[in-house]
C-alpha atoms as a PDB file:
ATOM      1  CA  MET A   1     243.018   3.452 -60.419  1.00  0.00           C
ATOM      2  CA  LYS A   2     244.420  -0.171 -59.948  1.00  0.00           C
ATOM      3  CA  LEU A   3     244.225  -3.056 -63.077  1.00  0.00           C
ATOM      4  CA  TYR A   4     244.017  -6.832 -62.641  1.00  0.00           C
ATOM      5  CA  LEU A   5     243.881  -8.783 -65.592  1.00  0.00           C
ATOM      6  CA  ASP A   6     243.597 -12.476 -65.974  1.00  0.00           C
ATOM      7  CA  THR A   7     243.400 -14.334 -69.356  1.00  0.00           C
ATOM      8  CA  SER A   8     244.896 -17.589 -68.417  1.00  0.00           C
ATOM      9  CA  ALA A   9     241.393 -18.861 -69.731  1.00  0.00           C
ATOM     10  CA  LEU A  10     239.302 -18.329 -72.200  1.00  0.00           C
ATOM     11  CA  THR A  11     236.668 -15.896 -69.776  1.00  0.00           C
ATOM     12  CA  THR A  12     239.481 -12.763 -69.479  1.00  0.00           C
ATOM     13  CA  ILE A  13     238.646 -11.044 -65.957  1.00  0.00           C
ATOM     14  CA  LEU A  14     239.517  -7.124 -65.447  1.00  0.00           C
ATOM     15  CA  LYS A  15     239.044  -5.312 -62.249  1.00  0.00           C
ATOM     16  CA  LEU A  16     239.149  -1.715 -62.239  1.00  0.00           C
ATOM     17  CA  ASP A  17     239.956  -0.885 -58.080  1.00  0.00           C
ATOM     18  CA  ASP A  18     236.076  -2.640 -57.379  1.00  0.00           C
ATOM     19  CA  HIS A  19     234.654  -3.347 -60.420  1.00  0.00           C
ATOM     20  CA  GLU A  20     234.714  -6.407 -61.996  1.00  0.00           C
ATOM     21  CA  TYR A  21     234.319  -7.395 -65.597  1.00  0.00           C
ATOM     22  CA  GLN A  22     234.048 -10.534 -67.309  1.00  0.00           C
ATOM     23  CA  TRP A  23     234.457 -11.123 -70.640  1.00  0.00           C
ATOM     24  CA  ASN A  24     234.292 -14.534 -73.141  1.00  0.00           C
ATOM     25  CA  SER A  25     237.015 -13.411 -75.526  1.00  0.00           C
ATOM     26  CA  GLY A  26     237.430 -16.787 -77.055  1.00  0.00           C
ATOM     27  CA  ARG A  27     240.036 -16.406 -80.324  1.00  0.00           C
ATOM     28  CA  THR A  28     239.696 -12.804 -80.213  1.00  0.00           C
ATOM     29  CA  LEU A  29     242.129 -11.691 -77.227  1.00  0.00           C
ATOM     30  CA  ALA A  30     244.607 -10.234 -79.131  1.00  0.00           C
ATOM     31  CA  ARG A  31     242.705  -8.680 -81.672  1.00  0.00           C
ATOM     32  CA  ASP A  32     240.493  -6.784 -79.013  1.00  0.00           C
ATOM     33  CA  LEU A  33     241.862  -6.753 -75.814  1.00  0.00           C
ATOM     34  CA  LEU A  34     243.468  -3.028 -75.583  1.00  0.00           C
ATOM     35  CA  LYS A  35     239.852  -1.715 -76.945  1.00  0.00           C
ATOM     36  CA  TYR A  36     238.259  -3.597 -74.431  1.00  0.00           C
ATOM     37  CA  ILE A  37     240.047  -2.359 -71.603  1.00  0.00           C
ATOM     38  CA  HIS A  38     239.583   1.108 -72.908  1.00  0.00           C
ATOM     39  CA  ASP A  39     236.282   0.941 -73.499  1.00  0.00           C
ATOM     40  CA  LYS A  40     236.075  -0.468 -69.184  1.00  0.00           C
ATOM     41  CA  LEU A  41     237.872   2.662 -68.544  1.00  0.00           C
ATOM     42  CA  VAL A  42     235.429   4.691 -70.383  1.00  0.00           C
ATOM     43  CA  GLU A  43     232.758   3.584 -68.522  1.00  0.00           C
ATOM     44  CA  ASN A  44     234.547   4.504 -65.696  1.00  0.00           C
ATOM     45  CA  ASN A  45     235.236   7.563 -66.801  1.00  0.00           C
ATOM     46  CA  SER A  46     238.617   7.294 -66.830  1.00  0.00           C
ATOM     47  CA  ASP A  47     241.414   6.744 -69.297  1.00  0.00           C
ATOM     48  CA  TRP A  48     245.172   5.217 -69.585  1.00  0.00           C
ATOM     49  CA  LYS A  49     247.322   7.950 -67.703  1.00  0.00           C
ATOM     50  CA  ASP A  50     244.738   7.022 -64.400  1.00  0.00           C
ATOM     51  CA  LEU A  51     246.212   3.799 -63.950  1.00  0.00           C
ATOM     52  CA  THR A  52     248.167   3.775 -61.393  1.00  0.00           C
ATOM     53  CA  GLU A  53     249.383   0.661 -61.123  1.00  0.00           C
ATOM     54  CA  ILE A  54     248.847  -3.268 -62.650  1.00  0.00           C
ATOM     55  CA  ASP A  55     248.304  -6.880 -61.572  1.00  0.00           C
ATOM     56  CA  PHE A  56     248.469  -9.994 -63.591  1.00  0.00           C
ATOM     57  CA  MET A  57     247.626 -13.256 -63.338  1.00  0.00           C
ATOM     58  CA  SER A  58     251.051 -14.968 -65.056  1.00  0.00           C
ATOM     59  CA  GLY A  59     249.775 -18.613 -64.608  1.00  0.00           C
ATOM     60  CA  PRO A  60     249.438 -20.903 -64.564  1.00  0.00           C
ATOM     61  CA  GLY A  61     247.495 -21.604 -67.761  1.00  0.00           C
ATOM     62  CA  SER A  62     246.680 -21.395 -71.094  1.00  0.00           C
ATOM     63  CA  PHE A  63     249.836 -20.854 -73.223  1.00  0.00           C
ATOM     64  CA  THR A  64     248.157 -17.971 -75.716  1.00  0.00           C
ATOM     65  CA  GLY A  65     245.969 -16.639 -73.064  1.00  0.00           C
ATOM     66  CA  LEU A  66     248.994 -15.603 -71.266  1.00  0.00           C
ATOM     67  CA  ARG A  67     251.001 -15.015 -74.115  1.00  0.00           C
ATOM     68  CA  ILE A  68     248.842 -11.857 -74.896  1.00  0.00           C
ATOM     69  CA  GLY A  69     247.887 -10.663 -71.975  1.00  0.00           C
ATOM     70  CA  ALA A  70     252.015 -10.393 -70.723  1.00  0.00           C
ATOM     71  CA  VAL A  71     252.415  -8.287 -73.537  1.00  0.00           C
ATOM     72  CA  VAL A  72     249.850  -5.853 -73.057  1.00  0.00           C
ATOM     73  CA  VAL A  73     250.504  -5.734 -69.368  1.00  0.00           C
ATOM     74  CA  ASN A  74     254.365  -5.301 -69.542  1.00  0.00           C
ATOM     75  CA  THR A  75     253.811  -2.896 -72.237  1.00  0.00           C
ATOM     76  CA  LEU A  76     251.076  -0.905 -70.747  1.00  0.00           C
ATOM     77  CA  ALA A  77     253.110  -0.342 -67.532  1.00  0.00           C
ATOM     78  CA  ASN A  78     256.689   0.448 -69.490  1.00  0.00           C
ATOM     79  CA  GLU A  79     254.909   3.591 -71.423  1.00  0.00           C
ATOM     80  CA  LEU A  80     252.314   4.665 -68.328  1.00  0.00           C
ATOM     81  CA  HIS A  81     255.626   3.967 -65.880  1.00  0.00           C
ATOM     82  CA  ILE A  82     253.738   2.325 -63.494  1.00  0.00           C
ATOM     83  CA  PRO A  83     254.572  -0.327 -61.578  1.00  0.00           C
ATOM     84  CA  LEU A  84     253.313  -4.460 -62.259  1.00  0.00           C
ATOM     85  CA  TYR A  85     252.974  -6.933 -59.930  1.00  0.00           C
ATOM     86  CA  ASN A  86     252.402 -10.635 -60.666  1.00  0.00           C
ATOM     87  CA  HIS A  87     249.972 -13.067 -59.217  1.00  0.00           C
ATOM     88  CA  ARG A  88     251.856 -13.547 -55.804  1.00  0.00           C
ATOM     89  CA  GLY A  89     251.584  -9.710 -55.572  1.00  0.00           C
ATOM     90  CA  GLU A  90     256.177  -9.460 -56.087  1.00  0.00           C
ATOM     91  CA  LYS A  91     256.911  -6.556 -57.876  1.00  0.00           C
ATOM     92  CA  VAL A  92     258.377  -7.072 -61.070  1.00  0.00           C
ATOM     93  CA  GLU A  93     260.326  -5.066 -64.167  1.00  0.00           C
ATOM     94  CA  ILE A  94     258.446  -7.592 -66.705  1.00  0.00           C
ATOM     95  CA  ILE A  95     256.023 -11.010 -66.563  1.00  0.00           C
ATOM     96  CA  LEU A  96     256.977 -13.871 -67.446  1.00  0.00           C
ATOM     97  CA  PRO A  97     253.969 -16.305 -67.920  1.00  0.00           C
ATOM     98  CA  GLU A  98     254.436 -19.545 -65.996  1.00  0.00           C
ATOM     99  CA  TYR A  99     252.795 -21.761 -68.236  1.00  0.00           C
ATOM    100  CA  GLY A 100     252.615 -24.409 -65.503  1.00  0.00           C
ATOM    101  CA  ARG A 101     254.560 -27.053 -67.667  1.00  0.00           C
ATOM    102  CA  PRO A 102     256.641 -27.014 -70.619  1.00  0.00           C
ATOM    103  CA  ALA A 103     254.930 -25.642 -73.813  1.00  0.00           C
ATOM    104  CA  ASN A 104     254.069 -28.539 -76.214  1.00  0.00           C
ATOM    105  CA  ILE A 105     255.637 -27.370 -78.793  1.00  0.00           C
ATOM    106  CA  THR A 106     256.499 -30.055 -81.957  1.00  0.00           C
ATOM    107  CA  PRO A 107     259.918 -30.613 -82.100  1.00  0.00           C
ATOM    108  CA  PRO A 108     261.736 -29.499 -85.482  1.00  0.00           C
ATOM    109  CA  LYS A 109     261.569 -32.767 -87.962  1.00  0.00           C
ATOM    110  CA  LYS A 110     265.359 -32.242 -89.107  1.00  0.00           C
END
């Protein structure tokens, strides 16, 4: 089963083969993303072991959303020993989020 994940906006998009799900994750993405994916796998009579590859929308988009999504897909691909692809269809060892611009981080005061 192929998993596609897009956490670049407030609405998370998850695809499992031909089934697409949208979830207004808001500020609960970090806490609930793995459970959400697992619940959708169960709805499709599947489990983690049934995943054969992962595609991830690696950016541009939300700084925090992309970081959370990247951690999840990198971990799943590594632990399940399955291929990982970025949004351009390139097979990658790990996902590095592409924010579209430098991160807006406040410089240190000292």
